[in-house]
Amino acid sequence: MELEIYSAFVKAGVSEADAKAAVESVSKEIDKRYALHAQQLATRGDVESVRKDMAEIKSELIKAIADSQRWTIAAIFAAVGIFAALSKVLHG
């Protein structure tokens, strides 16, 4: 990219020294902008790490829901059993 910018400046009539200085200035500004935003940019490794974490969380959540459902069903059956026993005792 730098060579293309340099060539464009020279073809436009800018001296070689000024074209070189302009290209260096553009490169420095690009580097500054990148440095400012580098902390906010995610790498492929960052994205893969998040995906792995999300898969683990999803697995743990599914397990927790299944455990909760088992306890809920067991509690319902226990309540029905207690109700049946009380009904038998009270009615006779």
PDB file of N, CA and C in Angstrom:
ATOM      1  N   MET A   1       0.825  -1.184   0.000  1.00  0.00           N
ATOM      2  CA  MET A   1       0.000   0.000   0.000  1.00  0.00           C
ATOM      3  C   MET A   1       0.875   1.255   0.000  1.00  0.00           C
ATOM      4  N   GLU A   2       1.955   1.239   0.765  1.00  0.00           N
ATOM      5  CA  GLU A   2       2.813   2.416   0.845  1.00  0.00           C
ATOM      6  C   GLU A   2       3.408   2.765  -0.519  1.00  0.00           C
ATOM      7  N   LEU A   3       3.810   1.752  -1.261  1.00  0.00           N
ATOM      8  CA  LEU A   3       4.394   1.988  -2.582  1.00  0.00           C
ATOM      9  C   LEU A   3       3.371   2.617  -3.524  1.00  0.00           C
ATOM     10  N   GLU A   4       2.130   2.159  -3.444  1.00  0.00           N
ATOM     11  CA  GLU A   4       1.085   2.709  -4.302  1.00  0.00           C
ATOM     12  C   GLU A   4       0.818   4.176  -3.976  1.00  0.00           C
ATOM     13  N   ILE A   5       0.795   4.502  -2.683  1.00  0.00           N
ATOM     14  CA  ILE A   5       0.575   5.897  -2.277  1.00  0.00           C
ATOM     15  C   ILE A   5       1.748   6.753  -2.740  1.00  0.00           C
ATOM     16  N   TYR A   6       2.963   6.261  -2.519  1.00  0.00           N
ATOM     17  CA  TYR A   6       4.164   6.979  -2.936  1.00  0.00           C
ATOM     18  C   TYR A   6       4.123   7.234  -4.447  1.00  0.00           C
ATOM     19  N   SER A   7       3.813   6.195  -5.209  1.00  0.00           N
ATOM     20  CA  SER A   7       3.762   6.331  -6.674  1.00  0.00           C
ATOM     21  C   SER A   7       2.708   7.328  -7.103  1.00  0.00           C
ATOM     22  N   ALA A   8       1.565   7.303  -6.432  1.00  0.00           N
ATOM     23  CA  ALA A   8       0.497   8.242  -6.778  1.00  0.00           C
ATOM     24  C   ALA A   8       0.930   9.675  -6.520  1.00  0.00           C
ATOM     25  N   PHE A   9       1.598   9.912  -5.413  1.00  0.00           N
ATOM     26  CA  PHE A   9       2.080  11.266  -5.124  1.00  0.00           C
ATOM     27  C   PHE A   9       3.099  11.727  -6.172  1.00  0.00           C
ATOM     28  N   VAL A  10       4.047  10.850  -6.493  1.00  0.00           N
ATOM     29  CA  VAL A  10       5.078  11.205  -7.470  1.00  0.00           C
ATOM     30  C   VAL A  10       4.444  11.489  -8.827  1.00  0.00           C
ATOM     31  N   LYS A  11       3.498  10.642  -9.248  1.00  0.00           N
ATOM     32  CA  LYS A  11       2.804  10.864 -10.532  1.00  0.00           C
ATOM     33  C   LYS A  11       2.009  12.162 -10.520  1.00  0.00           C
ATOM     34  N   ALA A  12       1.559  12.576  -9.336  1.00  0.00           N
ATOM     35  CA  ALA A  12       0.784  13.818  -9.235  1.00  0.00           C
ATOM     36  C   ALA A  12       1.689  15.050  -9.205  1.00  0.00           C
ATOM     37  N   GLY A  13       3.004  14.833  -9.224  1.00  0.00           N
ATOM     38  CA  GLY A  13       3.927  15.954  -9.280  1.00  0.00           C
ATOM     39  C   GLY A  13       4.544  16.320  -7.942  1.00  0.00           C
ATOM     40  N   VAL A  14       4.313  15.531  -6.924  1.00  0.00           N
ATOM     41  CA  VAL A  14       4.916  15.787  -5.615  1.00  0.00           C
ATOM     42  C   VAL A  14       6.363  15.297  -5.665  1.00  0.00           C
ATOM     43  N   SER A  15       7.257  16.052  -5.043  1.00  0.00           N
ATOM     44  CA  SER A  15       8.658  15.636  -5.045  1.00  0.00           C
ATOM     45  C   SER A  15       8.804  14.296  -4.322  1.00  0.00           C
ATOM     46  N   GLU A  16       9.872  13.577  -4.657  1.00  0.00           N
ATOM     47  CA  GLU A  16      10.079  12.266  -4.046  1.00  0.00           C
ATOM     48  C   GLU A  16      10.241  12.376  -2.533  1.00  0.00           C
ATOM     49  N   ALA A  17      10.931  13.392  -2.073  1.00  0.00           N
ATOM     50  CA  ALA A  17      11.131  13.576  -0.633  1.00  0.00           C
ATOM     51  C   ALA A  17       9.802  13.854   0.068  1.00  0.00           C
ATOM     52  N   ASP A  18       8.980  14.721  -0.544  1.00  0.00           N
ATOM     53  CA  ASP A  18       7.682  15.025   0.059  1.00  0.00           C
ATOM     54  C   ASP A  18       6.748  13.819   0.002  1.00  0.00           C
ATOM     55  N   ALA A  19       6.805  13.063  -1.085  1.00  0.00           N
ATOM     56  CA  ALA A  19       5.975  11.862  -1.214  1.00  0.00           C
ATOM     57  C   ALA A  19       6.358  10.841  -0.150  1.00  0.00           C
ATOM     58  N   LYS A  20       7.676  10.682   0.045  1.00  0.00           N
ATOM     59  CA  LYS A  20       8.149   9.746   1.062  1.00  0.00           C
ATOM     60  C   LYS A  20       7.701  10.199   2.453  1.00  0.00           C
ATOM     61  N   ALA A  21       7.816  11.488   2.738  1.00  0.00           N
ATOM     62  CA  ALA A  21       7.403  12.027   4.042  1.00  0.00           C
ATOM     63  C   ALA A  21       5.903  11.833   4.253  1.00  0.00           C
ATOM     64  N   ALA A  22       5.120  12.050   3.194  1.00  0.00           N
ATOM     65  CA  ALA A  22       3.670  11.881   3.306  1.00  0.00           C
ATOM     66  C   ALA A  22       3.308  10.422   3.576  1.00  0.00           C
ATOM     67  N   VAL A  23       3.967   9.504   2.875  1.00  0.00           N
ATOM     68  CA  VAL A  23       3.712   8.072   3.073  1.00  0.00           C
ATOM     69  C   VAL A  23       4.073   7.660   4.499  1.00  0.00           C
ATOM     70  N   GLU A  24       5.204   8.143   4.992  1.00  0.00           N
ATOM     71  CA  GLU A  24       5.606   7.828   6.363  1.00  0.00           C
ATOM     72  C   GLU A  24       4.603   8.389   7.369  1.00  0.00           C
ATOM     73  N   SER A  25       4.103   9.585   7.096  1.00  0.00           N
ATOM     74  CA  SER A  25       3.112  10.195   7.982  1.00  0.00           C
ATOM     75  C   SER A  25       1.818   9.383   8.012  1.00  0.00           C
ATOM     76  N   VAL A  26       1.373   8.943   6.843  1.00  0.00           N
ATOM     77  CA  VAL A  26       0.161   8.116   6.766  1.00  0.00           C
ATOM     78  C   VAL A  26       0.366   6.810   7.527  1.00  0.00           C
ATOM     79  N   SER A  27       1.530   6.196   7.344  1.00  0.00           N
ATOM     80  CA  SER A  27       1.821   4.940   8.041  1.00  0.00           C
ATOM     81  C   SER A  27       1.822   5.128   9.550  1.00  0.00           C
ATOM     82  N   LYS A  28       2.422   6.229  10.012  1.00  0.00           N
ATOM     83  CA  LYS A  28       2.443   6.506  11.453  1.00  0.00           C
ATOM     84  C   LYS A  28       1.036   6.697  11.996  1.00  0.00           C
ATOM     85  N   GLU A  29       0.192   7.402  11.255  1.00  0.00           N
ATOM     86  CA  GLU A  29      -1.185   7.631  11.707  1.00  0.00           C
ATOM     87  C   GLU A  29      -1.982   6.329  11.751  1.00  0.00           C
ATOM     88  N   ILE A  30      -1.760   5.479  10.762  1.00  0.00           N
ATOM     89  CA  ILE A  30      -2.432   4.166  10.766  1.00  0.00           C
ATOM     90  C   ILE A  30      -1.984   3.364  11.977  1.00  0.00           C
ATOM     91  N   ASP A  31      -0.674   3.378  12.254  1.00  0.00           N
ATOM     92  CA  ASP A  31      -0.153   2.659  13.416  1.00  0.00           C
ATOM     93  C   ASP A  31      -0.734   3.211  14.716  1.00  0.00           C
ATOM     94  N   LYS A  32      -0.859   4.547  14.810  1.00  0.00           N
ATOM     95  CA  LYS A  32      -1.448   5.161  16.016  1.00  0.00           C
ATOM     96  C   LYS A  32      -2.889   4.706  16.200  1.00  0.00           C
ATOM     97  N   ARG A  33      -3.651   4.744  15.118  1.00  0.00           N
ATOM     98  CA  ARG A  33      -5.063   4.330  15.207  1.00  0.00           C
ATOM     99  C   ARG A  33      -5.175   2.867  15.608  1.00  0.00           C
ATOM    100  N   TYR A  34      -4.331   2.032  15.016  1.00  0.00           N
ATOM    101  CA  TYR A  34      -4.358   0.612  15.363  1.00  0.00           C
ATOM    102  C   TYR A  34      -4.022   0.429  16.829  1.00  0.00           C
ATOM    103  N   ALA A  35      -3.000   1.144  17.307  1.00  0.00           N
ATOM    104  CA  ALA A  35      -2.595   1.020  18.714  1.00  0.00           C
ATOM    105  C   ALA A  35      -3.728   1.442  19.641  1.00  0.00           C
ATOM    106  N   LEU A  36      -4.482   2.481  19.256  1.00  0.00           N
ATOM    107  CA  LEU A  36      -5.604   2.931  20.082  1.00  0.00           C
ATOM    108  C   LEU A  36      -6.692   1.871  20.201  1.00  0.00           C
ATOM    109  N   HIS A  37      -6.913   1.143  19.131  1.00  0.00           N
ATOM    110  CA  HIS A  37      -8.021   0.185  19.098  1.00  0.00           C
ATOM    111  C   HIS A  37      -7.589  -1.265  19.310  1.00  0.00           C
ATOM    112  N   ALA A  38      -6.302  -1.496  19.424  1.00  0.00           N
ATOM    113  CA  ALA A  38      -5.798  -2.869  19.524  1.00  0.00           C
ATOM    114  C   ALA A  38      -6.371  -3.600  20.731  1.00  0.00           C
ATOM    115  N   GLN A  39      -6.574  -2.903  21.831  1.00  0.00           N
ATOM    116  CA  GLN A  39      -7.113  -3.539  23.029  1.00  0.00           C
ATOM    117  C   GLN A  39      -8.560  -3.966  22.828  1.00  0.00           C
ATOM    118  N   GLN A  40      -9.268  -3.329  21.904  1.00  0.00           N
ATOM    119  CA  GLN A  40     -10.675  -3.630  21.690  1.00  0.00           C
ATOM    120  C   GLN A  40     -10.900  -4.667  20.596  1.00  0.00           C
ATOM    121  N   LEU A  41      -9.863  -4.971  19.835  1.00  0.00           N
ATOM    122  CA  LEU A  41     -10.010  -5.918  18.734  1.00  0.00           C
ATOM    123  C   LEU A  41      -9.882  -7.346  19.244  1.00  0.00           C
ATOM    124  N   ALA A  42     -10.712  -8.219  18.723  1.00  0.00           N
ATOM    125  CA  ALA A  42     -10.669  -9.634  19.107  1.00  0.00           C
ATOM    126  C   ALA A  42      -9.898 -10.407  18.041  1.00  0.00           C
ATOM    127  N   THR A  43      -9.050 -11.294  18.501  1.00  0.00           N
ATOM    128  CA  THR A  43      -8.334 -12.165  17.574  1.00  0.00           C
ATOM    129  C   THR A  43      -9.150 -13.440  17.362  1.00  0.00           C
ATOM    130  N   ARG A  44      -8.747 -14.234  16.409  1.00  0.00           N
ATOM    131  CA  ARG A  44      -9.430 -15.518  16.195  1.00  0.00           C
ATOM    132  C   ARG A  44      -9.323 -16.385  17.436  1.00  0.00           C
ATOM    133  N   GLY A  45      -8.182 -16.306  18.105  1.00  0.00           N
ATOM    134  CA  GLY A  45      -7.999 -17.065  19.341  1.00  0.00           C
ATOM    135  C   GLY A  45      -8.974 -16.616  20.418  1.00  0.00           C
ATOM    136  N   ASP A  46      -9.200 -15.294  20.504  1.00  0.00           N
ATOM    137  CA  ASP A  46     -10.168 -14.771  21.471  1.00  0.00           C
ATOM    138  C   ASP A  46     -11.563 -15.311  21.186  1.00  0.00           C
ATOM    139  N   VAL A  47     -11.927 -15.289  19.916  1.00  0.00           N
ATOM    140  CA  VAL A  47     -13.262 -15.753  19.514  1.00  0.00           C
ATOM    141  C   VAL A  47     -13.416 -17.242  19.804  1.00  0.00           C
ATOM    142  N   GLU A  48     -12.395 -18.028  19.488  1.00  0.00           N
ATOM    143  CA  GLU A  48     -12.460 -19.469  19.753  1.00  0.00           C
ATOM    144  C   GLU A  48     -12.544 -19.751  21.251  1.00  0.00           C
ATOM    145  N   SER A  49     -11.839 -18.973  22.043  1.00  0.00           N
ATOM    146  CA  SER A  49     -11.889 -19.135  23.498  1.00  0.00           C
ATOM    147  C   SER A  49     -13.294 -18.867  24.022  1.00  0.00           C
ATOM    148  N   VAL A  50     -13.921 -17.823  23.502  1.00  0.00           N
ATOM    149  CA  VAL A  50     -15.291 -17.500  23.917  1.00  0.00           C
ATOM    150  C   VAL A  50     -16.245 -18.604  23.484  1.00  0.00           C
ATOM    151  N   ARG A  51     -16.058 -19.109  22.274  1.00  0.00           N
ATOM    152  CA  ARG A  51     -16.921 -20.203  21.801  1.00  0.00           C
ATOM    153  C   ARG A  51     -16.785 -21.433  22.687  1.00  0.00           C
ATOM    154  N   LYS A  52     -15.564 -21.740  23.071  1.00  0.00           N
ATOM    155  CA  LYS A  52     -15.319 -22.899  23.941  1.00  0.00           C
ATOM    156  C   LYS A  52     -15.992 -22.684  25.298  1.00  0.00           C
ATOM    157  N   ASP A  53     -15.814 -21.482  25.849  1.00  0.00           N
ATOM    158  CA  ASP A  53     -16.449 -21.166  27.132  1.00  0.00           C
ATOM    159  C   ASP A  53     -17.963 -21.257  27.038  1.00  0.00           C
ATOM    160  N   MET A  54     -18.529 -20.745  25.949  1.00  0.00           N
ATOM    161  CA  MET A  54     -19.980 -20.783  25.775  1.00  0.00           C
ATOM    162  C   MET A  54     -20.481 -22.224  25.658  1.00  0.00           C
ATOM    163  N   ALA A  55     -19.732 -23.079  24.976  1.00  0.00           N
ATOM    164  CA  ALA A  55     -20.124 -24.485  24.844  1.00  0.00           C
ATOM    165  C   ALA A  55     -20.119 -25.167  26.213  1.00  0.00           C
ATOM    166  N   GLU A  56     -19.108 -24.851  27.033  1.00  0.00           N
ATOM    167  CA  GLU A  56     -19.055 -25.425  28.383  1.00  0.00           C
ATOM    168  C   GLU A  56     -20.218 -24.925  29.235  1.00  0.00           C
ATOM    169  N   ILE A  57     -20.514 -23.644  29.131  1.00  0.00           N
ATOM    170  CA  ILE A  57     -21.629 -23.079  29.898  1.00  0.00           C
ATOM    171  C   ILE A  57     -22.947 -23.699  29.454  1.00  0.00           C
ATOM    172  N   LYS A  58     -23.112 -23.876  28.146  1.00  0.00           N
ATOM    173  CA  LYS A  58     -24.330 -24.490  27.621  1.00  0.00           C
ATOM    174  C   LYS A  58     -24.487 -25.910  28.163  1.00  0.00           C
ATOM    175  N   SER A  59     -23.393 -26.661  28.174  1.00  0.00           N
ATOM    176  CA  SER A  59     -23.426 -28.021  28.685  1.00  0.00           C
ATOM    177  C   SER A  59     -23.813 -28.049  30.168  1.00  0.00           C
ATOM    178  N   GLU A  60     -23.207 -27.148  30.946  1.00  0.00           N
ATOM    179  CA  GLU A  60     -23.519 -27.081  32.373  1.00  0.00           C
ATOM    180  C   GLU A  60     -24.979 -26.664  32.600  1.00  0.00           C
ATOM    181  N   LEU A  61     -25.476 -25.743  31.788  1.00  0.00           N
ATOM    182  CA  LEU A  61     -26.860 -25.295  31.919  1.00  0.00           C
ATOM    183  C   LEU A  61     -27.837 -26.416  31.600  1.00  0.00           C
ATOM    184  N   ILE A  62     -27.565 -27.180  30.554  1.00  0.00           N
ATOM    185  CA  ILE A  62     -28.426 -28.310  30.194  1.00  0.00           C
ATOM    186  C   ILE A  62     -28.445 -29.336  31.327  1.00  0.00           C
ATOM    187  N   LYS A  63     -27.274 -29.599  31.919  1.00  0.00           N
ATOM    188  CA  LYS A  63     -27.199 -30.537  33.032  1.00  0.00           C
ATOM    189  C   LYS A  63     -28.004 -30.023  34.229  1.00  0.00           C
ATOM    190  N   ALA A  64     -27.882 -28.732  34.524  1.00  0.00           N
ATOM    191  CA  ALA A  64     -28.605 -28.148  35.653  1.00  0.00           C
ATOM    192  C   ALA A  64     -30.111 -28.215  35.428  1.00  0.00           C
ATOM    193  N   ILE A  65     -30.546 -27.962  34.207  1.00  0.00           N
ATOM    194  CA  ILE A  65     -31.984 -28.038  33.895  1.00  0.00           C
ATOM    195  C   ILE A  65     -32.473 -29.471  34.049  1.00  0.00           C
ATOM    196  N   ALA A  66     -31.700 -30.432  33.565  1.00  0.00           N
ATOM    197  CA  ALA A  66     -32.097 -31.842  33.687  1.00  0.00           C
ATOM    198  C   ALA A  66     -32.191 -32.250  35.153  1.00  0.00           C
ATOM    199  N   ASP A  67     -31.209 -31.833  35.970  1.00  0.00           N
ATOM    200  CA  ASP A  67     -31.251 -32.137  37.408  1.00  0.00           C
ATOM    201  C   ASP A  67     -32.478 -31.517  38.061  1.00  0.00           C
ATOM    202  N   SER A  68     -32.769 -30.299  37.694  1.00  0.00           N
ATOM    203  CA  SER A  68     -33.932 -29.591  38.252  1.00  0.00           C
ATOM    204  C   SER A  68     -35.226 -30.313  37.880  1.00  0.00           C
ATOM    205  N   GLN A  69     -35.307 -30.753  36.635  1.00  0.00           N
ATOM    206  CA  GLN A  69     -36.501 -31.473  36.206  1.00  0.00           C
ATOM    207  C   GLN A  69     -36.659 -32.783  36.974  1.00  0.00           C
ATOM    208  N   ARG A  70     -35.552 -33.488  37.192  1.00  0.00           N
ATOM    209  CA  ARG A  70     -35.628 -34.732  37.958  1.00  0.00           C
ATOM    210  C   ARG A  70     -36.159 -34.481  39.369  1.00  0.00           C
ATOM    211  N   TRP A  71     -35.640 -33.466  40.045  1.00  0.00           N
ATOM    212  CA  TRP A  71     -36.085 -33.146  41.402  1.00  0.00           C
ATOM    213  C   TRP A  71     -37.549 -32.707  41.416  1.00  0.00           C
ATOM    214  N   THR A  72     -37.960 -31.959  40.398  1.00  0.00           N
ATOM    215  CA  THR A  72     -39.348 -31.518  40.324  1.00  0.00           C
ATOM    216  C   THR A  72     -40.287 -32.703  40.151  1.00  0.00           C
ATOM    217  N   ILE A  73     -39.939 -33.618  39.265  1.00  0.00           N
ATOM    218  CA  ILE A  73     -40.774 -34.809  39.036  1.00  0.00           C
ATOM    219  C   ILE A  73     -40.817 -35.672  40.290  1.00  0.00           C
ATOM    220  N   ALA A  74     -39.662 -35.823  40.950  1.00  0.00           N
ATOM    221  CA  ALA A  74     -39.632 -36.615  42.190  1.00  0.00           C
ATOM    222  C   ALA A  74     -40.514 -35.967  43.259  1.00  0.00           C
ATOM    223  N   ALA A  75     -40.475 -34.649  43.368  1.00  0.00           N
ATOM    224  CA  ALA A  75     -41.298 -33.945  44.351  1.00  0.00           C
ATOM    225  C   ALA A  75     -42.782 -34.101  44.035  1.00  0.00           C
ATOM    226  N   ILE A  76     -43.138 -34.081  42.768  1.00  0.00           N
ATOM    227  CA  ILE A  76     -44.543 -34.258  42.376  1.00  0.00           C
ATOM    228  C   ILE A  76     -45.023 -35.654  42.749  1.00  0.00           C
ATOM    229  N   PHE A  77     -44.217 -36.677  42.419  1.00  0.00           N
ATOM    230  CA  PHE A  77     -44.605 -38.041  42.773  1.00  0.00           C
ATOM    231  C   PHE A  77     -44.708 -38.214  44.285  1.00  0.00           C
ATOM    232  N   ALA A  78     -43.792 -37.607  45.024  1.00  0.00           N
ATOM    233  CA  ALA A  78     -43.844 -37.694  46.497  1.00  0.00           C
ATOM    234  C   ALA A  78     -45.111 -37.029  47.014  1.00  0.00           C
ATOM    235  N   ALA A  79     -45.465 -35.874  46.452  1.00  0.00           N
ATOM    236  CA  ALA A  79     -46.676 -35.168  46.892  1.00  0.00           C
ATOM    237  C   ALA A  79     -47.919 -35.994  46.571  1.00  0.00           C
ATOM    238  N   VAL A  80     -47.948 -36.606  45.400  1.00  0.00           N
ATOM    239  CA  VAL A  80     -49.103 -37.451  45.036  1.00  0.00           C
ATOM    240  C   VAL A  80     -49.184 -38.647  45.980  1.00  0.00           C
ATOM    241  N   GLY A  81     -48.030 -39.241  46.299  1.00  0.00           N
ATOM    242  CA  GLY A  81     -48.018 -40.377  47.228  1.00  0.00           C
ATOM    243  C   GLY A  81     -48.500 -39.980  48.608  1.00  0.00           C
ATOM    244  N   ILE A  82     -48.039 -38.834  49.097  1.00  0.00           N
ATOM    245  CA  ILE A  82     -48.494 -38.357  50.409  1.00  0.00           C
ATOM    246  C   ILE A  82     -49.986 -38.069  50.381  1.00  0.00           C
ATOM    247  N   PHE A  83     -50.460 -37.447  49.311  1.00  0.00           N
ATOM    248  CA  PHE A  83     -51.888 -37.152  49.186  1.00  0.00           C
ATOM    249  C   PHE A  83     -52.712 -38.436  49.176  1.00  0.00           C
ATOM    250  N   ALA A  84     -52.232 -39.436  48.441  1.00  0.00           N
ATOM    251  CA  ALA A  84     -52.950 -40.718  48.383  1.00  0.00           C
ATOM    252  C   ALA A  84     -52.974 -41.379  49.757  1.00  0.00           C
ATOM    253  N   ALA A  85     -51.856 -41.358  50.456  1.00  0.00           N
ATOM    254  CA  ALA A  85     -51.804 -41.958  51.799  1.00  0.00           C
ATOM    255  C   ALA A  85     -52.720 -41.234  52.768  1.00  0.00           C
ATOM    256  N   LEU A  86     -52.707 -39.900  52.727  1.00  0.00           N
ATOM    257  CA  LEU A  86     -53.596 -39.123  53.611  1.00  0.00           C
ATOM    258  C   LEU A  86     -55.061 -39.382  53.281  1.00  0.00           C
ATOM    259  N   SER A  87     -55.368 -39.466  52.004  1.00  0.00           N
ATOM    260  CA  SER A  87     -56.756 -39.733  51.615  1.00  0.00           C
ATOM    261  C   SER A  87     -57.213 -41.094  52.128  1.00  0.00           C
ATOM    262  N   LYS A  88     -56.339 -42.075  52.034  1.00  0.00           N
ATOM    263  CA  LYS A  88     -56.682 -43.420  52.499  1.00  0.00           C
ATOM    264  C   LYS A  88     -56.877 -43.435  54.005  1.00  0.00           C
ATOM    265  N   VAL A  89     -56.003 -42.734  54.735  1.00  0.00           N
ATOM    266  CA  VAL A  89     -56.090 -42.695  56.202  1.00  0.00           C
ATOM    267  C   VAL A  89     -57.350 -41.949  56.615  1.00  0.00           C
ATOM    268  N   LEU A  90     -57.631 -40.831  56.004  1.00  0.00           N
ATOM    269  CA  LEU A  90     -58.770 -39.999  56.414  1.00  0.00           C
ATOM    270  C   LEU A  90     -60.103 -40.592  55.998  1.00  0.00           C
ATOM    271  N   HIS A  91     -60.146 -41.288  54.882  1.00  0.00           N
ATOM    272  CA  HIS A  91     -61.413 -41.859  54.392  1.00  0.00           C
ATOM    273  C   HIS A  91     -61.521 -43.345  54.711  1.00  0.00           C
ATOM    274  N   GLY A  92     -60.602 -43.802  55.324  1.00  0.00           N
ATOM    275  CA  GLY A  92     -60.661 -45.037  55.693  1.00  0.00           C
ATOM    276  C   GLY A  92     -60.584 -46.354  55.827  1.00  0.00           C
TER     277      GLY A  92
END
